[in-house]
């Protein structure tokens, strides 16, 4: 999962606002969530699992905005 997937989905108008049913126009505060961190003698690892983003409708007359890790649920 990457920020590029979200950018592409917004550019291709595939993310849909649940309030006005129009394409989501923007996003904010993308993070990749950490699942585990291992730091051994001379070796370390960071495990990630999923991502979280704030989706912003941005269409006229609609103020919908949601922070979610389930952004794929808004793919139309």
N, C-alpha and C. Protein backbone atom coordinates (compact mmCIF):
# COMPACT_ATOMS: atom_id res chain seq x y z
N UNK A 1 0.85 -1.16 0.00
CA UNK A 1 0.00 0.00 0.00
C UNK A 1 0.90 1.23 0.00
N UNK A 2 0.56 2.16 -0.82
CA UNK A 2 1.40 3.34 -0.88
C UNK A 2 0.59 4.59 -1.15
N UNK A 3 1.22 5.69 -0.88
CA UNK A 3 0.59 6.98 -1.14
C UNK A 3 0.32 7.13 -2.63
N UNK A 4 1.12 6.48 -3.46
CA UNK A 4 0.90 6.55 -4.92
C UNK A 4 -0.43 5.92 -5.32
N UNK A 5 -0.83 4.84 -4.64
CA UNK A 5 -2.14 4.23 -4.92
C UNK A 5 -3.27 5.21 -4.64
N UNK A 6 -3.17 5.93 -3.55
CA UNK A 6 -4.20 6.91 -3.18
C UNK A 6 -4.22 8.07 -4.18
N UNK A 7 -3.03 8.57 -4.54
CA UNK A 7 -2.95 9.65 -5.52
C UNK A 7 -3.57 9.24 -6.85
N UNK A 8 -3.28 8.02 -7.28
CA UNK A 8 -3.81 7.52 -8.54
C UNK A 8 -5.33 7.36 -8.47
N UNK A 9 -5.84 6.83 -7.35
CA UNK A 9 -7.28 6.65 -7.19
C UNK A 9 -8.01 7.99 -7.22
N UNK A 10 -7.41 9.02 -6.62
CA UNK A 10 -8.03 10.36 -6.62
C UNK A 10 -7.96 10.95 -8.03
N UNK A 11 -6.80 10.82 -8.67
CA UNK A 11 -6.63 11.36 -10.03
C UNK A 11 -7.61 10.70 -11.00
N UNK A 12 -7.80 9.39 -10.86
CA UNK A 12 -8.70 8.65 -11.74
C UNK A 12 -10.16 8.72 -11.29
N UNK A 13 -10.43 9.49 -10.24
CA UNK A 13 -11.77 9.71 -9.70
C UNK A 13 -12.45 8.40 -9.28
N UNK A 14 -11.68 7.52 -8.64
CA UNK A 14 -12.20 6.23 -8.21
C UNK A 14 -12.64 6.21 -6.75
N UNK A 15 -12.20 7.20 -5.96
CA UNK A 15 -12.65 7.29 -4.57
C UNK A 15 -13.91 8.14 -4.53
N UNK A 16 -14.96 7.63 -3.94
CA UNK A 16 -16.27 8.29 -3.97
C UNK A 16 -16.67 8.74 -2.56
N UNK A 17 -17.13 9.98 -2.46
CA UNK A 17 -17.62 10.54 -1.21
C UNK A 17 -18.95 9.86 -0.85
N UNK A 18 -19.10 9.33 0.37
CA UNK A 18 -20.34 8.67 0.75
C UNK A 18 -21.50 9.64 0.99
N UNK A 19 -21.18 10.93 1.14
CA UNK A 19 -22.21 11.92 1.42
C UNK A 19 -22.85 12.48 0.15
N UNK A 20 -22.02 12.87 -0.82
CA UNK A 20 -22.57 13.50 -2.03
C UNK A 20 -22.43 12.61 -3.28
N UNK A 21 -21.78 11.48 -3.15
CA UNK A 21 -21.58 10.51 -4.25
C UNK A 21 -20.75 11.03 -5.41
N UNK A 22 -19.96 12.07 -5.17
CA UNK A 22 -19.05 12.60 -6.18
C UNK A 22 -17.63 12.14 -5.83
N UNK A 23 -16.70 12.21 -6.79
CA UNK A 23 -15.33 11.78 -6.51
C UNK A 23 -14.64 12.62 -5.44
N UNK A 24 -13.88 11.96 -4.59
CA UNK A 24 -13.06 12.63 -3.57
C UNK A 24 -11.98 13.40 -4.32
N UNK A 25 -11.70 14.63 -3.87
CA UNK A 25 -10.77 15.48 -4.60
C UNK A 25 -9.40 15.63 -3.96
N UNK A 26 -9.25 15.24 -2.68
CA UNK A 26 -7.98 15.48 -2.00
C UNK A 26 -7.79 14.54 -0.82
N UNK A 27 -6.58 14.49 -0.29
CA UNK A 27 -6.28 13.72 0.91
C UNK A 27 -5.23 14.46 1.71
N UNK A 28 -5.05 14.04 2.96
CA UNK A 28 -4.11 14.69 3.86
C UNK A 28 -3.61 13.66 4.87
N UNK A 29 -2.50 13.90 5.47
CA UNK A 29 -1.97 13.13 6.60
C UNK A 29 -1.87 11.63 6.34
N UNK A 30 -1.19 11.25 5.28
CA UNK A 30 -0.96 9.84 4.98
C UNK A 30 0.13 9.29 5.91
N UNK A 31 -0.11 8.13 6.49
CA UNK A 31 0.92 7.44 7.27
C UNK A 31 0.85 5.94 6.96
N UNK A 32 1.99 5.31 7.06
CA UNK A 32 2.04 3.86 6.96
C UNK A 32 2.15 3.35 8.39
N UNK A 33 1.25 2.45 8.78
CA UNK A 33 1.18 2.00 10.17
C UNK A 33 2.24 0.94 10.47
N UNK A 34 2.82 1.04 11.65
CA UNK A 34 3.84 0.11 12.11
C UNK A 34 3.19 -1.07 12.82
N UNK A 35 3.62 -2.26 12.46
CA UNK A 35 3.11 -3.47 13.10
C UNK A 35 4.12 -3.97 14.13
N UNK A 36 5.39 -4.01 13.75
CA UNK A 36 6.41 -4.44 14.71
C UNK A 36 7.75 -3.79 14.41
N UNK A 37 8.55 -3.68 15.46
CA UNK A 37 9.90 -3.17 15.35
C UNK A 37 10.80 -4.17 16.04
N UNK A 38 11.84 -4.60 15.35
CA UNK A 38 12.78 -5.53 15.94
C UNK A 38 14.16 -4.93 15.82
N UNK A 39 14.86 -4.86 16.93
CA UNK A 39 16.20 -4.30 16.94
C UNK A 39 17.12 -5.28 17.65
N UNK A 40 17.83 -6.04 16.86
CA UNK A 40 18.76 -7.02 17.41
C UNK A 40 20.19 -6.52 17.29
N UNK A 41 21.11 -7.28 17.77
CA UNK A 41 22.52 -6.92 17.72
C UNK A 41 22.98 -6.82 16.27
N UNK A 42 23.16 -5.60 15.80
CA UNK A 42 23.61 -5.37 14.44
C UNK A 42 22.56 -5.58 13.36
N UNK A 43 21.35 -5.79 13.77
CA UNK A 43 20.27 -6.06 12.80
C UNK A 43 19.00 -5.40 13.30
N UNK A 44 18.24 -4.81 12.41
CA UNK A 44 16.97 -4.21 12.81
C UNK A 44 15.98 -4.34 11.67
N UNK A 45 14.70 -4.25 12.03
CA UNK A 45 13.65 -4.41 11.03
C UNK A 45 12.41 -3.63 11.49
N UNK A 46 11.72 -3.08 10.53
CA UNK A 46 10.46 -2.38 10.78
C UNK A 46 9.40 -3.03 9.92
N UNK A 47 8.36 -3.56 10.56
CA UNK A 47 7.27 -4.19 9.82
C UNK A 47 6.09 -3.24 9.74
N UNK A 48 5.55 -3.06 8.54
CA UNK A 48 4.40 -2.19 8.38
C UNK A 48 3.19 -3.02 7.98
N UNK A 49 2.02 -2.51 8.31
CA UNK A 49 0.80 -3.22 7.99
C UNK A 49 -0.33 -2.25 7.74
N UNK A 50 -0.51 -1.88 6.52
CA UNK A 50 -1.60 -0.98 6.19
C UNK A 50 -1.19 0.47 6.23
N UNK A 51 -2.14 1.32 5.96
CA UNK A 51 -1.91 2.75 5.93
C UNK A 51 -3.15 3.47 6.40
N UNK A 52 -2.98 4.73 6.72
CA UNK A 52 -4.08 5.56 7.22
C UNK A 52 -3.99 6.91 6.51
N UNK A 53 -5.16 7.46 6.17
CA UNK A 53 -5.19 8.70 5.42
C UNK A 53 -6.46 9.47 5.76
N UNK A 54 -6.40 10.77 5.64
CA UNK A 54 -7.59 11.61 5.76
C UNK A 54 -8.08 11.93 4.36
N UNK A 55 -9.28 11.44 4.02
CA UNK A 55 -9.87 11.72 2.72
C UNK A 55 -10.72 12.99 2.84
N UNK A 56 -10.66 13.83 1.82
CA UNK A 56 -11.38 15.10 1.81
C UNK A 56 -12.20 15.18 0.53
N UNK A 57 -13.52 15.34 0.68
CA UNK A 57 -14.39 15.41 -0.50
C UNK A 57 -14.01 16.61 -1.36
N UNK A 58 -14.13 17.80 -0.83
CA UNK A 58 -13.72 19.00 -1.55
C UNK A 58 -14.66 19.47 -2.63
N UNK A 59 -15.78 18.80 -2.83
CA UNK A 59 -16.75 19.25 -3.82
C UNK A 59 -17.62 20.36 -3.23
N UNK A 60 -18.09 21.24 -4.08
CA UNK A 60 -18.91 22.38 -3.64
C UNK A 60 -20.14 21.90 -2.88
N UNK A 61 -20.36 22.48 -1.70
CA UNK A 61 -21.53 22.16 -0.90
C UNK A 61 -21.36 20.91 -0.03
N UNK A 62 -20.22 20.26 -0.07
CA UNK A 62 -20.00 19.05 0.72
C UNK A 62 -18.74 19.23 1.57
N UNK A 63 -18.89 19.05 2.86
CA UNK A 63 -17.76 19.23 3.77
C UNK A 63 -17.27 17.91 4.36
N UNK A 64 -17.59 16.78 3.73
CA UNK A 64 -17.21 15.47 4.25
C UNK A 64 -15.69 15.33 4.29
N UNK A 65 -15.21 14.78 5.41
CA UNK A 65 -13.80 14.55 5.62
C UNK A 65 -13.69 13.39 6.59
N UNK A 66 -12.84 12.41 6.31
CA UNK A 66 -12.75 11.26 7.22
C UNK A 66 -11.33 10.72 7.29
N UNK A 67 -10.88 10.46 8.52
CA UNK A 67 -9.59 9.81 8.77
C UNK A 67 -9.85 8.32 8.84
N UNK A 68 -9.21 7.54 7.97
CA UNK A 68 -9.54 6.13 7.90
C UNK A 68 -8.36 5.27 7.47
N UNK A 69 -8.35 4.04 7.92
CA UNK A 69 -7.41 3.06 7.41
C UNK A 69 -8.11 2.15 6.39
N UNK A 70 -9.40 2.35 6.23
CA UNK A 70 -10.20 1.57 5.29
C UNK A 70 -10.58 2.37 4.07
N UNK A 71 -9.63 3.10 3.51
CA UNK A 71 -9.92 3.96 2.38
C UNK A 71 -10.36 3.18 1.15
N UNK A 72 -10.01 1.92 1.07
CA UNK A 72 -10.42 1.10 -0.08
C UNK A 72 -11.94 0.90 -0.11
N UNK A 73 -12.60 1.06 1.04
CA UNK A 73 -14.06 0.96 1.09
C UNK A 73 -14.75 2.05 0.29
N UNK A 74 -14.03 3.12 -0.02
CA UNK A 74 -14.60 4.24 -0.75
C UNK A 74 -14.31 4.17 -2.25
N UNK A 75 -13.67 3.09 -2.68
CA UNK A 75 -13.43 2.90 -4.12
C UNK A 75 -14.74 2.58 -4.80
N UNK A 76 -15.05 3.30 -5.86
CA UNK A 76 -16.31 3.10 -6.55
C UNK A 76 -16.18 2.41 -7.87
